[in-house]
Amino acid sequence: MRINVIGRHLEVTDPIRQHAESKATKLDKFEDIVQQIEIKFWKENTAQESFSVEVVVDVINHADFIAKADGHDLYLVIDDAIAKVGRQLNDHREKLKTENRA
């Protein structure tokens, strides 16, 4: 499983990259269906410093799963987006299991 970390209008420092990659490795339990994970960060141009994160997961024989999160703490936004896509992958895996039983 390949993990790509991309920053737009934001420098992706080593601590940010390490945090994102460590959170993304929690999706290893879905390695049987996941091919690639792409994590995109960007800084919103607002009066208050705000960040957005988009996680795109390329899944075998299915459309990509996408989760977005916004907030003021980049680390919490990363956690939120990874958790959202994790729930989507879990739902997809459960759906596959019930379809295979029928």
N, C-alpha and C. Protein backbone atom coordinates (compact mmCIF):
# COMPACT_ATOMS: atom_id res chain seq x y z
N MET A 1 0.86 -1.17 0.00
CA MET A 1 0.00 0.00 0.00
C MET A 1 0.91 1.24 0.00
N ARG A 2 0.68 2.10 -0.95
CA ARG A 2 1.49 3.30 -1.10
C ARG A 2 0.76 4.50 -0.50
N ILE A 3 1.50 5.36 0.21
CA ILE A 3 0.93 6.55 0.84
C ILE A 3 1.62 7.77 0.26
N ASN A 4 0.85 8.67 -0.33
CA ASN A 4 1.38 9.93 -0.87
C ASN A 4 0.86 11.08 -0.01
N VAL A 5 1.75 11.98 0.38
CA VAL A 5 1.38 13.15 1.18
C VAL A 5 1.71 14.38 0.35
N ILE A 6 0.69 15.22 0.10
CA ILE A 6 0.84 16.37 -0.78
C ILE A 6 0.36 17.62 -0.07
N GLY A 7 1.12 18.71 -0.16
CA GLY A 7 0.71 19.98 0.41
C GLY A 7 0.50 21.02 -0.67
N ARG A 8 -0.60 21.74 -0.57
CA ARG A 8 -0.87 22.85 -1.50
C ARG A 8 -0.93 24.13 -0.67
N HIS A 9 -0.14 25.12 -1.05
CA HIS A 9 -0.05 26.38 -0.32
C HIS A 9 0.38 26.15 1.12
N LEU A 10 1.10 25.06 1.33
CA LEU A 10 1.51 24.68 2.68
C LEU A 10 2.71 23.74 2.56
N GLU A 11 3.74 24.04 3.32
CA GLU A 11 4.91 23.16 3.32
C GLU A 11 4.63 21.97 4.24
N VAL A 12 4.81 20.78 3.70
CA VAL A 12 4.61 19.57 4.49
C VAL A 12 5.92 19.27 5.21
N THR A 13 5.96 19.58 6.49
CA THR A 13 7.16 19.35 7.28
C THR A 13 7.25 17.87 7.65
N ASP A 14 8.41 17.46 8.11
CA ASP A 14 8.60 16.06 8.51
C ASP A 14 7.64 15.62 9.61
N PRO A 15 7.42 16.43 10.66
CA PRO A 15 6.45 15.99 11.69
C PRO A 15 5.03 15.81 11.14
N ILE A 16 4.62 16.70 10.24
CA ILE A 16 3.28 16.57 9.65
C ILE A 16 3.22 15.31 8.79
N ARG A 17 4.24 15.08 7.98
CA ARG A 17 4.29 13.90 7.12
C ARG A 17 4.28 12.62 7.97
N GLN A 18 5.07 12.60 9.03
CA GLN A 18 5.13 11.42 9.89
C GLN A 18 3.79 11.16 10.57
N HIS A 19 3.13 12.24 11.02
CA HIS A 19 1.82 12.07 11.67
C HIS A 19 0.80 11.52 10.67
N ALA A 20 0.78 12.09 9.47
CA ALA A 20 -0.17 11.64 8.46
C ALA A 20 0.09 10.19 8.07
N GLU A 21 1.35 9.83 7.88
CA GLU A 21 1.68 8.46 7.50
C GLU A 21 1.38 7.47 8.62
N SER A 22 1.63 7.87 9.87
CA SER A 22 1.35 6.96 10.98
C SER A 22 -0.16 6.74 11.12
N LYS A 23 -0.95 7.78 10.91
CA LYS A 23 -2.41 7.61 10.97
C LYS A 23 -2.90 6.78 9.79
N ALA A 24 -2.31 6.98 8.61
CA ALA A 24 -2.72 6.23 7.43
C ALA A 24 -2.36 4.76 7.55
N THR A 25 -1.30 4.44 8.27
CA THR A 25 -0.94 3.03 8.43
C THR A 25 -1.97 2.28 9.26
N LYS A 26 -2.83 2.99 9.98
CA LYS A 26 -3.91 2.33 10.70
C LYS A 26 -4.91 1.71 9.73
N LEU A 27 -4.85 2.13 8.47
CA LEU A 27 -5.72 1.56 7.45
C LEU A 27 -5.12 0.29 6.85
N ASP A 28 -4.00 -0.17 7.40
CA ASP A 28 -3.36 -1.41 6.93
C ASP A 28 -4.29 -2.61 7.05
N LYS A 29 -5.23 -2.55 7.96
CA LYS A 29 -6.15 -3.68 8.12
C LYS A 29 -7.03 -3.85 6.88
N PHE A 30 -7.03 -2.85 6.00
CA PHE A 30 -7.78 -2.93 4.75
C PHE A 30 -6.86 -3.18 3.56
N GLU A 31 -5.64 -3.64 3.82
CA GLU A 31 -4.66 -3.78 2.75
C GLU A 31 -5.09 -4.76 1.66
N ASP A 32 -6.05 -5.63 1.96
CA ASP A 32 -6.54 -6.56 0.95
C ASP A 32 -7.35 -5.86 -0.13
N ILE A 33 -7.88 -4.66 0.16
CA ILE A 33 -8.68 -3.94 -0.83
C ILE A 33 -8.09 -2.59 -1.22
N VAL A 34 -7.16 -2.05 -0.43
CA VAL A 34 -6.60 -0.72 -0.68
C VAL A 34 -5.31 -0.82 -1.49
N GLN A 35 -5.23 0.00 -2.56
CA GLN A 35 -4.01 0.04 -3.37
C GLN A 35 -3.14 1.23 -3.00
N GLN A 36 -3.77 2.40 -2.81
CA GLN A 36 -3.00 3.62 -2.59
C GLN A 36 -3.81 4.59 -1.74
N ILE A 37 -3.11 5.37 -0.91
CA ILE A 37 -3.73 6.42 -0.11
C ILE A 37 -3.04 7.73 -0.45
N GLU A 38 -3.84 8.74 -0.76
CA GLU A 38 -3.29 10.06 -1.06
C GLU A 38 -3.87 11.05 -0.05
N ILE A 39 -3.00 11.75 0.66
CA ILE A 39 -3.43 12.72 1.67
C ILE A 39 -3.01 14.10 1.19
N LYS A 40 -3.99 14.98 1.00
CA LYS A 40 -3.73 16.33 0.51
C LYS A 40 -4.05 17.33 1.61
N PHE A 41 -3.14 18.28 1.83
CA PHE A 41 -3.33 19.34 2.81
C PHE A 41 -3.38 20.67 2.09
N TRP A 42 -4.15 21.59 2.60
CA TRP A 42 -4.04 22.96 2.13
C TRP A 42 -4.51 23.91 3.20
N LYS A 43 -4.03 25.12 3.08
CA LYS A 43 -4.34 26.17 4.05
C LYS A 43 -5.39 27.07 3.42
N GLU A 44 -6.46 27.32 4.15
CA GLU A 44 -7.52 28.19 3.65
C GLU A 44 -7.11 29.64 3.86
N ASN A 45 -7.44 30.48 2.90
CA ASN A 45 -7.14 31.90 3.00
C ASN A 45 -8.30 32.62 3.68
N THR A 46 -8.33 32.53 4.98
CA THR A 46 -9.36 33.19 5.77
C THR A 46 -8.68 34.05 6.83
N ALA A 47 -9.49 34.83 7.55
CA ALA A 47 -8.94 35.68 8.61
C ALA A 47 -8.28 34.82 9.69
N GLN A 48 -8.92 33.71 10.03
CA GLN A 48 -8.34 32.78 11.00
C GLN A 48 -7.61 31.69 10.22
N GLU A 49 -6.54 31.19 10.80
CA GLU A 49 -5.79 30.13 10.14
C GLU A 49 -6.62 28.85 10.15
N SER A 50 -6.94 28.35 8.97
CA SER A 50 -7.77 27.16 8.85
C SER A 50 -7.12 26.20 7.86
N PHE A 51 -7.24 24.91 8.14
CA PHE A 51 -6.65 23.89 7.29
C PHE A 51 -7.72 22.94 6.78
N SER A 52 -7.47 22.40 5.61
CA SER A 52 -8.34 21.37 5.04
C SER A 52 -7.48 20.17 4.67
N VAL A 53 -8.05 19.00 4.84
CA VAL A 53 -7.38 17.76 4.49
C VAL A 53 -8.35 16.91 3.68
N GLU A 54 -7.85 16.33 2.61
CA GLU A 54 -8.64 15.41 1.81
C GLU A 54 -7.85 14.10 1.70
N VAL A 55 -8.51 13.01 2.02
CA VAL A 55 -7.89 11.69 1.93
C VAL A 55 -8.60 10.93 0.82
N VAL A 56 -7.84 10.48 -0.17
CA VAL A 56 -8.38 9.72 -1.29
C VAL A 56 -7.77 8.32 -1.23
N VAL A 57 -8.64 7.32 -1.15
CA VAL A 57 -8.18 5.93 -1.05
C VAL A 57 -8.59 5.20 -2.32
N ASP A 58 -7.60 4.69 -3.03
CA ASP A 58 -7.83 3.92 -4.25
C ASP A 58 -8.07 2.47 -3.86
N VAL A 59 -9.26 1.97 -4.18
CA VAL A 59 -9.68 0.63 -3.77
C VAL A 59 -9.80 -0.26 -5.00
N ILE A 60 -9.42 -1.52 -4.86
CA ILE A 60 -9.50 -2.49 -5.94
C ILE A 60 -10.96 -2.72 -6.33
N ASN A 61 -11.25 -2.65 -7.62
CA ASN A 61 -12.58 -2.92 -8.18
C ASN A 61 -13.68 -2.05 -7.59
N HIS A 62 -13.36 -0.80 -7.27
CA HIS A 62 -14.37 0.11 -6.72
C HIS A 62 -13.91 1.54 -6.97
N ALA A 63 -14.85 2.46 -6.96
CA ALA A 63 -14.49 3.87 -7.07
C ALA A 63 -13.71 4.30 -5.83
N ASP A 64 -12.98 5.39 -5.95
CA ASP A 64 -12.19 5.89 -4.82
C ASP A 64 -13.08 6.30 -3.66
N PHE A 65 -12.57 6.14 -2.45
CA PHE A 65 -13.23 6.65 -1.26
C PHE A 65 -12.55 7.97 -0.91
N ILE A 66 -13.36 8.99 -0.64
CA ILE A 66 -12.84 10.33 -0.37
C ILE A 66 -13.43 10.84 0.93
N ALA A 67 -12.57 11.39 1.78
CA ALA A 67 -13.02 12.00 3.03
C ALA A 67 -12.33 13.35 3.17
N LYS A 68 -13.11 14.35 3.59
CA LYS A 68 -12.57 15.70 3.79
C LYS A 68 -12.84 16.15 5.21
N ALA A 69 -11.94 16.97 5.72
CA ALA A 69 -12.11 17.54 7.05
C ALA A 69 -11.48 18.93 7.07
N ASP A 70 -12.06 19.81 7.88
CA ASP A 70 -11.57 21.18 8.02
C ASP A 70 -11.43 21.51 9.50
N GLY A 71 -10.53 22.44 9.80
CA GLY A 71 -10.38 22.88 11.18
C GLY A 71 -9.16 23.75 11.37
N HIS A 72 -8.93 24.13 12.62
CA HIS A 72 -7.83 25.04 12.93
C HIS A 72 -6.57 24.31 13.37
N ASP A 73 -6.69 23.07 13.81
CA ASP A 73 -5.53 22.28 14.23
C ASP A 73 -5.28 21.21 13.17
N LEU A 74 -4.19 21.34 12.44
CA LEU A 74 -3.91 20.44 11.32
C LEU A 74 -3.85 18.98 11.75
N TYR A 75 -3.27 18.71 12.90
CA TYR A 75 -3.14 17.33 13.37
C TYR A 75 -4.51 16.71 13.66
N LEU A 76 -5.41 17.48 14.26
CA LEU A 76 -6.76 16.97 14.53
C LEU A 76 -7.55 16.78 13.23
N VAL A 77 -7.31 17.66 12.26
CA VAL A 77 -7.99 17.56 10.97
C VAL A 77 -7.54 16.29 10.25
N ILE A 78 -6.26 15.98 10.33
CA ILE A 78 -5.74 14.74 9.73
C ILE A 78 -6.41 13.54 10.38
N ASP A 79 -6.46 13.53 11.71
CA ASP A 79 -7.09 12.42 12.44
C ASP A 79 -8.54 12.24 12.02
N ASP A 80 -9.26 13.36 11.89
CA ASP A 80 -10.68 13.32 11.53
C ASP A 80 -10.88 12.74 10.13
N ALA A 81 -10.09 13.20 9.17
CA ALA A 81 -10.23 12.73 7.79
C ALA A 81 -9.89 11.24 7.67
N ILE A 82 -8.84 10.80 8.35
CA ILE A 82 -8.46 9.38 8.31
C ILE A 82 -9.56 8.53 8.96
N ALA A 83 -10.13 9.02 10.05
CA ALA A 83 -11.21 8.28 10.72
C ALA A 83 -12.43 8.16 9.81
N LYS A 84 -12.76 9.23 9.09
CA LYS A 84 -13.91 9.20 8.18
C LYS A 84 -13.72 8.17 7.07
N VAL A 85 -12.55 8.17 6.46
CA VAL A 85 -12.32 7.22 5.37
C VAL A 85 -12.22 5.80 5.92
N GLY A 86 -11.74 5.66 7.14
CA GLY A 86 -11.70 4.34 7.77
C GLY A 86 -13.10 3.76 7.96
N ARG A 87 -14.04 4.62 8.36
CA ARG A 87 -15.43 4.17 8.51
C ARG A 87 -16.02 3.77 7.15
N GLN A 88 -15.70 4.54 6.11
CA GLN A 88 -16.18 4.21 4.77
C GLN A 88 -15.65 2.85 4.33
N LEU A 89 -14.36 2.61 4.56
CA LEU A 89 -13.75 1.34 4.17
C LEU A 89 -14.34 0.18 4.96
N ASN A 90 -14.59 0.39 6.24
CA ASN A 90 -15.19 -0.65 7.07
C ASN A 90 -16.59 -0.99 6.57
N ASP A 91 -17.38 0.03 6.25
CA ASP A 91 -18.73 -0.21 5.72
C ASP A 91 -18.66 -0.98 4.40
N HIS A 92 -17.69 -0.61 3.55
CA HIS A 92 -17.54 -1.28 2.26
C HIS A 92 -17.16 -2.75 2.46
N ARG A 93 -16.24 -3.01 3.37
CA ARG A 93 -15.82 -4.39 3.64
C ARG A 93 -17.00 -5.21 4.18
N GLU A 94 -17.78 -4.64 5.08
CA GLU A 94 -18.95 -5.35 5.63
C GLU A 94 -19.96 -5.64 4.53
N LYS A 95 -20.12 -4.69 3.62
CA LYS A 95 -21.04 -4.89 2.50
C LYS A 95 -20.56 -6.04 1.61
N LEU A 96 -19.25 -6.09 1.37
CA LEU A 96 -18.70 -7.18 0.56
C LEU A 96 -18.91 -8.53 1.24
N LYS A 97 -18.75 -8.57 2.56
CA LYS A 97 -18.94 -9.82 3.30
C LYS A 97 -20.38 -10.31 3.19
N THR A 98 -21.35 -9.41 3.33
CA THR A 98 -22.75 -9.83 3.26
C THR A 98 -23.13 -10.22 1.84
N GLU A 99 -22.55 -9.57 0.83
CA GLU A 99 -22.84 -9.94 -0.55
C GLU A 99 -22.27 -11.32 -0.87
N ASN A 100 -21.12 -11.64 -0.31
CA ASN A 100 -20.50 -12.94 -0.56
C ASN A 100 -21.26 -14.07 0.12
N ARG A 101 -21.97 -13.77 1.20
CA ARG A 101 -22.74 -14.80 1.90
C ARG A 101 -24.01 -15.16 1.15
N ALA A 102 -24.54 -14.21 0.41
CA ALA A 102 -25.83 -14.43 -0.27
C ALA A 102 -25.70 -15.33 -1.48
